[in-house]
Amino acid sequence: MRFRCENGTILSQKVFWVRLFIHSSFEVEGSMKNSLPILFALGTAICWGLYGPTIANARSPERLWSPFKPYVGIGLAYIVWAFVGGLIVMWMKGDSFSFSGKHSAAGIWGFAAGTLGALGALSLTAAMISFVGKPKPQLVMPIVFGGAVTVSAIVSFLLYKGETKTSPWLWVGIAGMAVCIVLVAYNTPHGHPPKKPGAESSATTSVEDSTAVPAEPSG
């Protein structure tokens, strides 16, 4: 059995299936490359979404430390995963370890982005620890992510204002984002606030008094 291609070339069955397999492999590889940014973005959303509930556990109910103490742990994590891990992966990828000349943009803008990330982590840590009572990540995280999307959109609008025409749907989306922040923050399930120690002890005392056996009169 022979097959005729679109350009009129006649191929044997074996050659036809080999070419079809190679063509399909390139298409799959291309689609995987196109989906990688989406997968990495989802990974970022998962990690940052868990950031708030995780850092809420670093709070001391007795206020034994300031927000800067867990912030040191955050910085240590950056050193381990970003600095040391980044150098290891650079070595595996065969990157140059130079950050000067043509490579200076990687260091300068990477440090600028890291500074913004560190300041954002400090602000988020302070937001979680400065709550009176139990931390409320269900309130903070929608503001963080909804606000981040809005800020990114506004920065892009200012950078490319003279090059492209901005759709009015951008402002509709920003307004809708504000509504979504309120809806998500208001309707996210959260636990009941912890009972005050004084109320718990008084309740225990009243139960003990009610169950106490009256003493028999003497004589």
N, C-alpha and C. Protein backbone atom coordinates (compact mmCIF):
# COMPACT_ATOMS: atom_id res chain seq x y z
N MET A 1 0.86 -1.19 0.00
CA MET A 1 0.00 0.00 0.00
C MET A 1 0.89 1.23 0.00
N ARG A 2 0.51 2.21 -0.85
CA ARG A 2 1.27 3.45 -0.95
C ARG A 2 0.33 4.63 -0.67
N PHE A 3 0.95 5.75 -0.22
CA PHE A 3 0.19 6.94 0.12
C PHE A 3 0.71 8.11 -0.70
N ARG A 4 -0.20 8.99 -1.09
CA ARG A 4 0.17 10.17 -1.86
C ARG A 4 0.07 11.39 -0.95
N CYS A 5 1.15 12.15 -0.87
CA CYS A 5 1.18 13.35 -0.05
C CYS A 5 0.51 14.50 -0.78
N GLU A 6 0.37 15.64 -0.10
CA GLU A 6 -0.29 16.79 -0.69
C GLU A 6 0.51 17.37 -1.85
N ASN A 7 1.84 17.24 -1.78
CA ASN A 7 2.68 17.75 -2.87
C ASN A 7 2.82 16.76 -4.03
N GLY A 8 2.11 15.65 -3.96
CA GLY A 8 2.12 14.67 -5.04
C GLY A 8 3.13 13.55 -4.87
N THR A 9 3.95 13.62 -3.82
CA THR A 9 4.95 12.59 -3.60
C THR A 9 4.28 11.29 -3.13
N ILE A 10 4.69 10.17 -3.70
CA ILE A 10 4.15 8.87 -3.34
C ILE A 10 5.10 8.19 -2.36
N LEU A 11 4.58 7.80 -1.22
CA LEU A 11 5.39 7.18 -0.18
C LEU A 11 4.91 5.77 0.08
N SER A 12 5.87 4.93 0.50
CA SER A 12 5.49 3.59 0.93
C SER A 12 4.81 3.67 2.29
N GLN A 13 4.17 2.58 2.68
CA GLN A 13 3.44 2.57 3.93
C GLN A 13 4.38 2.80 5.12
N LYS A 14 5.57 2.20 5.09
CA LYS A 14 6.51 2.34 6.19
C LYS A 14 7.00 3.77 6.33
N VAL A 15 7.39 4.37 5.19
CA VAL A 15 7.89 5.76 5.22
C VAL A 15 6.78 6.70 5.66
N PHE A 16 5.56 6.45 5.21
CA PHE A 16 4.44 7.31 5.56
C PHE A 16 4.21 7.33 7.06
N TRP A 17 4.20 6.16 7.71
CA TRP A 17 3.94 6.11 9.14
C TRP A 17 5.09 6.68 9.95
N VAL A 18 6.34 6.51 9.44
CA VAL A 18 7.48 7.12 10.13
C VAL A 18 7.37 8.64 10.12
N ARG A 19 7.04 9.20 8.94
CA ARG A 19 6.88 10.65 8.84
C ARG A 19 5.71 11.15 9.69
N LEU A 20 4.64 10.39 9.71
CA LEU A 20 3.49 10.78 10.52
C LEU A 20 3.84 10.79 12.00
N PHE A 21 4.63 9.80 12.44
CA PHE A 21 5.03 9.73 13.84
C PHE A 21 5.93 10.91 14.20
N ILE A 22 6.88 11.25 13.33
CA ILE A 22 7.78 12.37 13.60
C ILE A 22 7.00 13.68 13.66
N HIS A 23 6.07 13.86 12.71
CA HIS A 23 5.27 15.08 12.68
C HIS A 23 4.40 15.19 13.95
N SER A 24 3.83 14.09 14.37
CA SER A 24 2.99 14.10 15.58
C SER A 24 3.84 14.38 16.81
N SER A 25 5.07 13.86 16.85
CA SER A 25 5.94 14.09 17.99
C SER A 25 6.28 15.57 18.13
N PHE A 26 6.55 16.22 16.98
CA PHE A 26 6.84 17.65 17.03
C PHE A 26 5.62 18.45 17.50
N GLU A 27 4.43 18.03 17.07
CA GLU A 27 3.22 18.74 17.49
C GLU A 27 2.99 18.58 18.99
N VAL A 28 3.21 17.36 19.52
CA VAL A 28 3.05 17.14 20.96
C VAL A 28 4.07 17.94 21.74
N GLU A 29 5.33 17.94 21.25
CA GLU A 29 6.38 18.69 21.94
C GLU A 29 6.06 20.18 21.95
N GLY A 30 5.54 20.70 20.82
CA GLY A 30 5.18 22.11 20.76
C GLY A 30 4.04 22.45 21.70
N SER A 31 3.05 21.56 21.77
CA SER A 31 1.92 21.83 22.67
C SER A 31 2.36 21.76 24.13
N MET A 32 3.31 20.86 24.46
CA MET A 32 3.80 20.78 25.82
C MET A 32 4.58 22.04 26.18
N LYS A 33 5.38 22.56 25.25
CA LYS A 33 6.10 23.80 25.52
C LYS A 33 5.15 24.96 25.74
N ASN A 34 4.05 24.98 24.98
CA ASN A 34 3.08 26.05 25.15
C ASN A 34 2.33 25.93 26.46
N SER A 35 2.17 24.72 26.98
CA SER A 35 1.45 24.52 28.23
C SER A 35 2.33 24.68 29.46
N LEU A 36 3.66 24.68 29.30
CA LEU A 36 4.55 24.79 30.45
C LEU A 36 4.34 26.09 31.23
N PRO A 37 4.23 27.26 30.57
CA PRO A 37 3.98 28.48 31.35
C PRO A 37 2.71 28.40 32.19
N ILE A 38 1.66 27.77 31.65
CA ILE A 38 0.42 27.64 32.39
C ILE A 38 0.63 26.74 33.61
N LEU A 39 1.36 25.64 33.42
CA LEU A 39 1.61 24.72 34.53
C LEU A 39 2.44 25.39 35.62
N PHE A 40 3.47 26.15 35.22
CA PHE A 40 4.28 26.85 36.21
C PHE A 40 3.46 27.92 36.93
N ALA A 41 2.57 28.60 36.20
CA ALA A 41 1.71 29.60 36.83
C ALA A 41 0.79 28.95 37.85
N LEU A 42 0.25 27.78 37.53
CA LEU A 42 -0.60 27.06 38.47
C LEU A 42 0.21 26.63 39.70
N GLY A 43 1.45 26.21 39.47
CA GLY A 43 2.31 25.86 40.60
C GLY A 43 2.56 27.05 41.51
N THR A 44 2.77 28.23 40.92
CA THR A 44 2.95 29.44 41.72
C THR A 44 1.70 29.76 42.52
N ALA A 45 0.53 29.63 41.87
CA ALA A 45 -0.72 29.92 42.56
C ALA A 45 -0.93 28.97 43.75
N ILE A 46 -0.57 27.69 43.56
CA ILE A 46 -0.74 26.72 44.65
C ILE A 46 0.20 27.06 45.82
N CYS A 47 1.48 27.32 45.51
CA CYS A 47 2.45 27.62 46.57
C CYS A 47 2.10 28.91 47.30
N TRP A 48 1.79 29.96 46.55
CA TRP A 48 1.48 31.24 47.18
C TRP A 48 0.12 31.19 47.87
N GLY A 49 -0.78 30.37 47.36
CA GLY A 49 -2.06 30.22 48.04
C GLY A 49 -1.91 29.55 49.40
N LEU A 50 -0.95 28.64 49.51
CA LEU A 50 -0.67 27.98 50.79
C LEU A 50 0.23 28.81 51.69
N TYR A 51 0.81 29.87 51.14
CA TYR A 51 1.73 30.71 51.92
C TYR A 51 1.01 31.36 53.10
N GLY A 52 -0.17 31.92 52.85
CA GLY A 52 -0.90 32.62 53.91
C GLY A 52 -1.28 31.71 55.07
N PRO A 53 -1.97 30.60 54.81
CA PRO A 53 -2.30 29.70 55.92
C PRO A 53 -1.08 29.15 56.64
N THR A 54 0.04 28.99 55.91
CA THR A 54 1.25 28.45 56.54
C THR A 54 1.88 29.47 57.47
N ILE A 55 2.02 30.72 57.00
CA ILE A 55 2.66 31.74 57.82
C ILE A 55 1.77 32.14 58.99
N ALA A 56 0.47 31.87 58.90
CA ALA A 56 -0.41 32.16 60.04
C ALA A 56 -0.05 31.31 61.25
N ASN A 57 0.55 30.14 61.01
CA ASN A 57 0.97 29.28 62.12
C ASN A 57 2.20 29.80 62.84
N ALA A 58 2.89 30.79 62.24
CA ALA A 58 4.10 31.34 62.86
C ALA A 58 3.77 32.44 63.86
N ARG A 59 2.50 32.68 64.10
CA ARG A 59 2.09 33.74 65.02
C ARG A 59 2.06 33.23 66.45
N SER A 60 2.47 34.07 67.37
CA SER A 60 2.40 33.73 68.79
C SER A 60 1.18 34.39 69.41
N PRO A 61 0.22 33.60 69.92
CA PRO A 61 -0.95 34.21 70.55
C PRO A 61 -0.58 35.12 71.72
N GLU A 62 0.54 34.82 72.40
CA GLU A 62 0.98 35.65 73.53
C GLU A 62 1.84 36.82 73.08
N ARG A 63 2.02 36.96 71.76
CA ARG A 63 2.85 38.03 71.19
C ARG A 63 4.28 37.99 71.77
N LEU A 64 4.87 36.81 71.70
CA LEU A 64 6.23 36.64 72.21
C LEU A 64 7.27 37.14 71.22
N TRP A 65 6.90 37.34 69.95
CA TRP A 65 7.86 37.82 68.96
C TRP A 65 7.16 38.71 67.95
N SER A 66 7.98 39.46 67.22
CA SER A 66 7.48 40.38 66.20
C SER A 66 7.40 39.65 64.85
N PRO A 67 6.81 40.31 63.83
CA PRO A 67 6.77 39.67 62.49
C PRO A 67 8.13 39.39 61.89
N PHE A 68 9.20 40.04 62.44
CA PHE A 68 10.52 39.86 61.84
C PHE A 68 11.14 38.51 62.17
N LYS A 69 10.65 37.85 63.23
CA LYS A 69 11.24 36.56 63.58
C LYS A 69 10.88 35.49 62.56
N PRO A 70 9.60 35.29 62.20
CA PRO A 70 9.32 34.34 61.11
C PRO A 70 9.85 34.83 59.77
N TYR A 71 10.04 36.16 59.63
CA TYR A 71 10.59 36.70 58.39
C TYR A 71 12.01 36.22 58.17
N VAL A 72 12.75 36.02 59.27
CA VAL A 72 14.11 35.46 59.16
C VAL A 72 14.05 34.05 58.59
N GLY A 73 13.04 33.26 59.04
CA GLY A 73 12.87 31.92 58.47
C GLY A 73 12.54 31.96 56.99
N ILE A 74 11.76 32.96 56.59
CA ILE A 74 11.45 33.12 55.16
C ILE A 74 12.73 33.42 54.39
N GLY A 75 13.56 34.32 54.94
CA GLY A 75 14.83 34.63 54.28
C GLY A 75 15.74 33.43 54.18
N LEU A 76 15.76 32.61 55.23
CA LEU A 76 16.58 31.38 55.19
C LEU A 76 16.09 30.45 54.09
N ALA A 77 14.76 30.36 53.93
CA ALA A 77 14.22 29.52 52.85
C ALA A 77 14.64 30.05 51.48
N TYR A 78 14.67 31.37 51.33
CA TYR A 78 15.14 31.95 50.06
C TYR A 78 16.60 31.58 49.81
N ILE A 79 17.42 31.61 50.87
CA ILE A 79 18.83 31.27 50.70
C ILE A 79 18.98 29.82 50.26
N VAL A 80 18.22 28.94 50.91
CA VAL A 80 18.35 27.51 50.60
C VAL A 80 17.83 27.20 49.21
N TRP A 81 16.59 27.63 48.91
CA TRP A 81 15.95 27.24 47.67
C TRP A 81 16.34 28.11 46.49
N ALA A 82 16.43 29.42 46.68
CA ALA A 82 16.70 30.32 45.56
C ALA A 82 18.19 30.48 45.30
N PHE A 83 18.96 30.77 46.35
CA PHE A 83 20.38 31.04 46.14
C PHE A 83 21.17 29.76 45.87
N VAL A 84 21.14 28.84 46.85
CA VAL A 84 21.90 27.59 46.68
C VAL A 84 21.30 26.75 45.55
N GLY A 85 19.97 26.60 45.58
CA GLY A 85 19.33 25.81 44.52
C GLY A 85 19.52 26.42 43.14
N GLY A 86 19.47 27.76 43.08
CA GLY A 86 19.68 28.42 41.79
C GLY A 86 21.08 28.19 41.24
N LEU A 87 22.09 28.26 42.12
CA LEU A 87 23.47 28.00 41.67
C LEU A 87 23.63 26.57 41.18
N ILE A 88 23.01 25.62 41.87
CA ILE A 88 23.13 24.21 41.46
C ILE A 88 22.50 24.00 40.09
N VAL A 89 21.30 24.57 39.88
CA VAL A 89 20.63 24.40 38.58
C VAL A 89 21.38 25.15 37.49
N MET A 90 21.96 26.32 37.81
CA MET A 90 22.79 27.02 36.83
C MET A 90 23.95 26.14 36.38
N TRP A 91 24.58 25.47 37.34
CA TRP A 91 25.69 24.58 37.00
C TRP A 91 25.20 23.41 36.14
N MET A 92 24.02 22.87 36.46
CA MET A 92 23.48 21.76 35.68
C MET A 92 23.14 22.20 34.26
N LYS A 93 22.67 23.43 34.10
CA LYS A 93 22.30 23.95 32.78
C LYS A 93 23.50 24.49 32.00
N GLY A 94 24.65 24.56 32.63
CA GLY A 94 25.82 25.08 31.95
C GLY A 94 25.84 26.58 31.81
N ASP A 95 25.13 27.30 32.71
CA ASP A 95 25.11 28.76 32.65
C ASP A 95 26.45 29.34 33.07
N SER A 96 26.69 30.57 32.63
CA SER A 96 27.86 31.30 33.09
C SER A 96 27.57 31.90 34.47
N PHE A 97 28.55 31.91 35.35
CA PHE A 97 28.38 32.46 36.68
C PHE A 97 28.75 33.95 36.73
N SER A 98 28.90 34.56 35.58
CA SER A 98 29.20 35.99 35.51
C SER A 98 27.90 36.78 35.55
N PHE A 99 27.88 37.86 36.33
CA PHE A 99 26.73 38.75 36.41
C PHE A 99 27.11 40.17 36.01
N SER A 100 28.10 40.29 35.15
CA SER A 100 28.54 41.60 34.67
C SER A 100 28.46 41.63 33.15
N GLY A 101 28.59 42.81 32.59
CA GLY A 101 28.55 42.95 31.14
C GLY A 101 27.18 42.61 30.58
N LYS A 102 27.16 41.71 29.60
CA LYS A 102 25.89 41.31 28.98
C LYS A 102 24.99 40.54 29.94
N HIS A 103 25.56 40.01 31.00
CA HIS A 103 24.78 39.22 31.97
C HIS A 103 24.29 40.07 33.15
N SER A 104 24.54 41.39 33.12
CA SER A 104 24.20 42.22 34.27
C SER A 104 22.69 42.34 34.47
N ALA A 105 21.91 42.28 33.38
CA ALA A 105 20.46 42.42 33.52
C ALA A 105 19.87 41.32 34.39
N ALA A 106 20.44 40.11 34.29
CA ALA A 106 19.93 39.00 35.09
C ALA A 106 20.09 39.28 36.57
N GLY A 107 21.25 39.83 36.96
CA GLY A 107 21.48 40.12 38.37
C GLY A 107 20.71 41.33 38.86
N ILE A 108 20.70 42.40 38.06
CA ILE A 108 20.06 43.65 38.50
C ILE A 108 18.55 43.48 38.63
N TRP A 109 17.92 43.00 37.56
CA TRP A 109 16.47 42.86 37.59
C TRP A 109 16.03 41.70 38.47
N GLY A 110 16.86 40.67 38.57
CA GLY A 110 16.55 39.59 39.50
C GLY A 110 16.57 40.07 40.94
N PHE A 111 17.58 40.91 41.27
CA PHE A 111 17.64 41.46 42.62
C PHE A 111 16.47 42.40 42.89
N ALA A 112 16.09 43.18 41.88
CA ALA A 112 14.94 44.08 42.04
C ALA A 112 13.65 43.29 42.29
N ALA A 113 13.45 42.23 41.49
CA ALA A 113 12.26 41.40 41.68
C ALA A 113 12.30 40.69 43.03
N GLY A 114 13.48 40.22 43.43
CA GLY A 114 13.60 39.57 44.74
C GLY A 114 13.33 40.53 45.88
N THR A 115 13.74 41.80 45.72
CA THR A 115 13.46 42.80 46.74
C THR A 115 11.96 43.03 46.89
N LEU A 116 11.27 43.14 45.74
CA LEU A 116 9.82 43.29 45.80
C LEU A 116 9.16 42.07 46.43
N GLY A 117 9.66 40.88 46.08
CA GLY A 117 9.11 39.67 46.69
C GLY A 117 9.36 39.62 48.18
N ALA A 118 10.56 40.05 48.61
CA ALA A 118 10.87 40.04 50.04
C ALA A 118 10.02 41.05 50.80
N LEU A 119 9.83 42.25 50.23
CA LEU A 119 8.98 43.25 50.87
C LEU A 119 7.52 42.78 50.92
N GLY A 120 7.09 42.11 49.85
CA GLY A 120 5.73 41.56 49.86
C GLY A 120 5.57 40.48 50.90
N ALA A 121 6.60 39.64 51.06
CA ALA A 121 6.55 38.60 52.09
C ALA A 121 6.52 39.21 53.47
N LEU A 122 7.27 40.31 53.68
CA LEU A 122 7.25 40.99 54.97
C LEU A 122 5.87 41.59 55.25
N SER A 123 5.29 42.22 54.24
CA SER A 123 3.96 42.81 54.42
C SER A 123 2.92 41.74 54.73
N LEU A 124 3.00 40.61 54.01
CA LEU A 124 2.04 39.54 54.24
C LEU A 124 2.23 38.91 55.63
N THR A 125 3.49 38.75 56.04
CA THR A 125 3.76 38.21 57.37
C THR A 125 3.23 39.15 58.45
N ALA A 126 3.46 40.46 58.27
CA ALA A 126 2.96 41.42 59.23
C ALA A 126 1.44 41.44 59.27
N ALA A 127 0.81 41.26 58.10
CA ALA A 127 -0.65 41.23 58.06
C ALA A 127 -1.20 40.05 58.84
N MET A 128 -0.55 38.90 58.73
CA MET A 128 -1.02 37.71 59.43
C MET A 128 -0.79 37.80 60.94
N ILE A 129 0.32 38.37 61.34
CA ILE A 129 0.68 38.35 62.75
C ILE A 129 0.05 39.52 63.51
N SER A 130 -0.30 40.59 62.82
CA SER A 130 -0.85 41.76 63.50
C SER A 130 -2.34 41.66 63.78
N PHE A 131 -2.99 40.54 63.40
CA PHE A 131 -4.41 40.38 63.70
C PHE A 131 -4.62 40.32 65.21
N VAL A 132 -5.69 40.94 65.67
CA VAL A 132 -6.11 40.78 67.06
C VAL A 132 -7.00 39.54 67.11
N GLY A 133 -6.51 38.50 67.77
CA GLY A 133 -7.20 37.23 67.75
C GLY A 133 -6.58 36.32 66.71
N LYS A 134 -7.37 35.39 66.22
CA LYS A 134 -6.89 34.40 65.28
C LYS A 134 -6.60 35.02 63.91
N PRO A 135 -5.45 34.69 63.26
CA PRO A 135 -5.18 35.20 61.91
C PRO A 135 -6.26 34.77 60.93
N LYS A 136 -6.48 35.60 59.92
CA LYS A 136 -7.53 35.34 58.94
C LYS A 136 -6.95 35.33 57.53
N PRO A 137 -6.29 34.22 57.14
CA PRO A 137 -5.76 34.17 55.77
C PRO A 137 -6.86 34.24 54.72
N GLN A 138 -8.09 33.80 55.06
CA GLN A 138 -9.18 33.85 54.10
C GLN A 138 -9.55 35.29 53.76
N LEU A 139 -9.18 36.25 54.61
CA LEU A 139 -9.40 37.66 54.32
C LEU A 139 -8.22 38.29 53.59
N VAL A 140 -7.01 37.90 53.99
CA VAL A 140 -5.80 38.53 53.45
C VAL A 140 -5.49 38.04 52.04
N MET A 141 -5.56 36.72 51.80
CA MET A 141 -5.09 36.17 50.53
C MET A 141 -5.88 36.65 49.32
N PRO A 142 -7.22 36.75 49.37
CA PRO A 142 -7.92 37.32 48.20
C PRO A 142 -7.49 38.74 47.88
N ILE A 143 -7.22 39.54 48.92
CA ILE A 143 -6.74 40.91 48.68
C ILE A 143 -5.38 40.88 48.01
N VAL A 144 -4.51 39.97 48.49
CA VAL A 144 -3.16 39.88 47.93
C VAL A 144 -3.19 39.51 46.46
N PHE A 145 -3.89 38.44 46.12
CA PHE A 145 -3.86 37.94 44.74
C PHE A 145 -4.71 38.80 43.81
N GLY A 146 -5.87 39.21 44.28
CA GLY A 146 -6.68 40.10 43.45
C GLY A 146 -6.00 41.43 43.22
N GLY A 147 -5.36 41.95 44.28
CA GLY A 147 -4.63 43.21 44.13
C GLY A 147 -3.41 43.06 43.24
N ALA A 148 -2.72 41.91 43.31
CA ALA A 148 -1.54 41.69 42.48
C ALA A 148 -1.90 41.67 41.00
N VAL A 149 -3.00 40.99 40.66
CA VAL A 149 -3.44 40.96 39.26
C VAL A 149 -3.78 42.37 38.78
N THR A 150 -4.43 43.16 39.62
CA THR A 150 -4.81 44.52 39.25
C THR A 150 -3.59 45.40 39.05
N VAL A 151 -2.62 45.31 39.97
CA VAL A 151 -1.40 46.12 39.84
C VAL A 151 -0.64 45.74 38.58
N SER A 152 -0.53 44.44 38.29
CA SER A 152 0.16 43.99 37.08
C SER A 152 -0.51 44.53 35.82
N ALA A 153 -1.85 44.52 35.80
CA ALA A 153 -2.57 45.03 34.63
C ALA A 153 -2.36 46.53 34.47
N ILE A 154 -2.37 47.28 35.57
CA ILE A 154 -2.19 48.73 35.49
C ILE A 154 -0.77 49.08 35.04
N VAL A 155 0.22 48.34 35.54
CA VAL A 155 1.61 48.59 35.11
C VAL A 155 1.76 48.32 33.62
N SER A 156 1.18 47.24 33.12
CA SER A 156 1.24 46.94 31.68
C SER A 156 0.54 48.03 30.88
N PHE A 157 -0.56 48.54 31.39
CA PHE A 157 -1.28 49.63 30.72
C PHE A 157 -0.41 50.88 30.62
N LEU A 158 0.31 51.21 31.69
CA LEU A 158 1.16 52.40 31.67
C LEU A 158 2.38 52.21 30.78
N LEU A 159 2.92 50.99 30.73
CA LEU A 159 4.12 50.74 29.92
C LEU A 159 3.82 50.76 28.43
N TYR A 160 2.67 50.21 28.04
CA TYR A 160 2.36 50.05 26.62
C TYR A 160 1.18 50.91 26.18
N LYS A 161 0.95 52.01 26.90
CA LYS A 161 -0.20 52.85 26.60
C LYS A 161 -0.11 53.46 25.21
N GLY A 162 1.06 53.84 24.78
CA GLY A 162 1.20 54.46 23.47
C GLY A 162 1.36 53.48 22.32
N GLU A 163 1.54 52.20 22.61
CA GLU A 163 1.79 51.21 21.57
C GLU A 163 0.54 50.43 21.18
N THR A 164 -0.30 50.12 22.13
CA THR A 164 -1.49 49.32 21.86
C THR A 164 -2.73 50.04 22.40
N LYS A 165 -3.88 49.69 21.85
CA LYS A 165 -5.14 50.25 22.29
C LYS A 165 -5.70 49.36 23.40
N THR A 166 -6.02 49.98 24.52
CA THR A 166 -6.53 49.24 25.67
C THR A 166 -8.03 49.02 25.55
N SER A 167 -8.44 47.79 25.70
CA SER A 167 -9.85 47.47 25.65
C SER A 167 -10.55 47.95 26.92
N PRO A 168 -11.75 48.48 26.81
CA PRO A 168 -12.49 48.89 28.03
C PRO A 168 -12.81 47.71 28.94
N TRP A 169 -12.74 46.49 28.39
CA TRP A 169 -13.00 45.32 29.21
C TRP A 169 -11.95 45.15 30.29
N LEU A 170 -10.78 45.79 30.13
CA LEU A 170 -9.77 45.73 31.18
C LEU A 170 -10.30 46.34 32.47
N TRP A 171 -10.94 47.51 32.35
CA TRP A 171 -11.47 48.19 33.54
C TRP A 171 -12.68 47.45 34.09
N VAL A 172 -13.44 46.82 33.21
CA VAL A 172 -14.55 45.98 33.69
C VAL A 172 -14.00 44.81 34.49
N GLY A 173 -12.91 44.22 33.99
CA GLY A 173 -12.30 43.10 34.71
C GLY A 173 -11.74 43.53 36.06
N ILE A 174 -11.13 44.72 36.11
CA ILE A 174 -10.59 45.21 37.39
C ILE A 174 -11.71 45.44 38.39
N ALA A 175 -12.81 46.04 37.92
CA ALA A 175 -13.96 46.23 38.81
C ALA A 175 -14.53 44.89 39.26
N GLY A 176 -14.61 43.93 38.32
CA GLY A 176 -15.09 42.59 38.69
C GLY A 176 -14.16 41.91 39.66
N MET A 177 -12.84 42.18 39.53
CA MET A 177 -11.88 41.60 40.47
C MET A 177 -12.13 42.10 41.89
N ALA A 178 -12.45 43.39 42.01
CA ALA A 178 -12.74 43.94 43.33
C ALA A 178 -13.97 43.27 43.95
N VAL A 179 -14.98 43.04 43.11
CA VAL A 179 -16.18 42.35 43.60
C VAL A 179 -15.84 40.92 44.02
N CYS A 180 -15.02 40.24 43.20
CA CYS A 180 -14.64 38.86 43.52
C CYS A 180 -13.83 38.78 44.81
N ILE A 181 -12.97 39.77 45.06
CA ILE A 181 -12.19 39.78 46.30
C ILE A 181 -13.13 39.80 47.51
N VAL A 182 -14.14 40.67 47.45
CA VAL A 182 -15.09 40.77 48.56
C VAL A 182 -15.87 39.47 48.72
N LEU A 183 -16.33 38.89 47.60
CA LEU A 183 -17.13 37.67 47.67
C LEU A 183 -16.32 36.50 48.23
N VAL A 184 -15.09 36.35 47.75
CA VAL A 184 -14.26 35.23 48.20
C VAL A 184 -13.88 35.42 49.67
N ALA A 185 -13.47 36.63 50.05
CA ALA A 185 -13.06 36.88 51.42
C ALA A 185 -14.22 36.70 52.40
N TYR A 186 -15.41 37.10 51.99
CA TYR A 186 -16.56 37.04 52.89
C TYR A 186 -17.09 35.62 53.04
N ASN A 187 -16.99 34.81 51.98
CA ASN A 187 -17.63 33.50 52.00
C ASN A 187 -16.67 32.35 52.21
N THR A 188 -15.37 32.62 52.40
CA THR A 188 -14.42 31.54 52.66
C THR A 188 -14.66 30.96 54.05
N PRO A 189 -14.78 29.63 54.18
CA PRO A 189 -15.02 29.04 55.51
C PRO A 189 -13.86 29.32 56.46
N HIS A 190 -14.17 29.58 57.70
CA HIS A 190 -13.15 29.78 58.73
C HIS A 190 -13.69 29.30 60.06
N GLY A 191 -12.77 28.92 60.93
CA GLY A 191 -13.16 28.37 62.22
C GLY A 191 -13.66 29.43 63.17
N HIS A 192 -14.27 28.98 64.24
CA HIS A 192 -14.77 29.90 65.26
C HIS A 192 -13.60 30.45 66.06
N PRO A 193 -13.71 31.66 66.56
CA PRO A 193 -12.61 32.22 67.38
C PRO A 193 -12.42 31.42 68.65
N PRO A 194 -11.19 31.31 69.13
CA PRO A 194 -10.95 30.54 70.36
C PRO A 194 -11.61 31.19 71.57
N LYS A 195 -12.00 30.37 72.52
CA LYS A 195 -12.64 30.89 73.73
C LYS A 195 -11.60 31.57 74.62
N LYS A 196 -12.04 32.59 75.31
CA LYS A 196 -11.16 33.28 76.23
C LYS A 196 -10.88 32.39 77.44
N PRO A 197 -9.64 32.43 77.97
CA PRO A 197 -9.34 31.58 79.13
C PRO A 197 -10.23 31.87 80.33
N GLY A 198 -10.59 33.14 80.55
CA GLY A 198 -11.42 33.50 81.68
C GLY A 198 -12.81 32.91 81.59
N ALA A 199 -13.40 32.96 80.39
CA ALA A 199 -14.73 32.40 80.20
C ALA A 199 -14.73 30.89 80.39
N GLU A 200 -13.65 30.24 79.91
CA GLU A 200 -13.57 28.79 80.04
C GLU A 200 -13.44 28.37 81.50
N SER A 201 -12.62 29.12 82.27
CA SER A 201 -12.45 28.76 83.68
C SER A 201 -13.72 29.02 84.48
N SER A 202 -14.44 30.10 84.15
CA SER A 202 -15.68 30.38 84.87
C SER A 202 -16.73 29.32 84.57
N ALA A 203 -16.76 28.86 83.30
CA ALA A 203 -17.70 27.81 82.93
C ALA A 203 -17.37 26.51 83.66
N THR A 204 -16.08 26.22 83.80
CA THR A 204 -15.67 25.01 84.52
C THR A 204 -16.03 25.10 86.00
N THR A 205 -15.87 26.30 86.57
CA THR A 205 -16.20 26.48 87.99
C THR A 205 -17.69 26.30 88.25
N SER A 206 -18.52 26.84 87.32
CA SER A 206 -19.96 26.72 87.49
C SER A 206 -20.41 25.27 87.38
N VAL A 207 -19.77 24.50 86.49
CA VAL A 207 -20.11 23.08 86.36
C VAL A 207 -19.73 22.33 87.62
N GLU A 208 -18.54 22.65 88.18
CA GLU A 208 -18.11 21.97 89.40
C GLU A 208 -19.04 22.30 90.57
N ASP A 209 -19.48 23.57 90.65
CA ASP A 209 -20.37 23.96 91.73
C ASP A 209 -21.71 23.26 91.64
N SER A 210 -22.21 23.07 90.41
CA SER A 210 -23.51 22.44 90.24
C SER A 210 -23.48 20.96 90.54
N THR A 211 -22.30 20.35 90.33
CA THR A 211 -22.19 18.90 90.58
C THR A 211 -21.66 18.57 91.96
N ALA A 212 -21.36 19.57 92.76
CA ALA A 212 -20.79 19.32 94.09
C ALA A 212 -21.86 18.74 95.01
N VAL A 213 -21.46 17.80 95.86
CA VAL A 213 -22.39 17.17 96.80
C VAL A 213 -22.43 18.01 98.07
N PRO A 214 -23.60 18.44 98.52
CA PRO A 214 -23.67 19.27 99.73
C PRO A 214 -23.21 18.49 100.96
N ALA A 215 -22.55 19.19 101.82
CA ALA A 215 -22.03 18.54 103.05
C ALA A 215 -23.17 18.28 104.03
N GLU A 216 -23.07 17.13 104.74
CA GLU A 216 -24.09 16.78 105.73
C GLU A 216 -23.87 17.62 106.99
N PRO A 217 -24.97 18.07 107.58
CA PRO A 217 -24.83 18.86 108.82
C PRO A 217 -24.27 18.02 109.96
N SER A 218 -23.38 18.60 110.73
CA SER A 218 -22.77 17.88 111.85
C SER A 218 -23.66 17.94 113.08
N GLY A 219 -23.49 17.00 113.94
CA GLY A 219 -24.29 16.95 115.15
C GLY A 219 -25.58 16.27 114.90
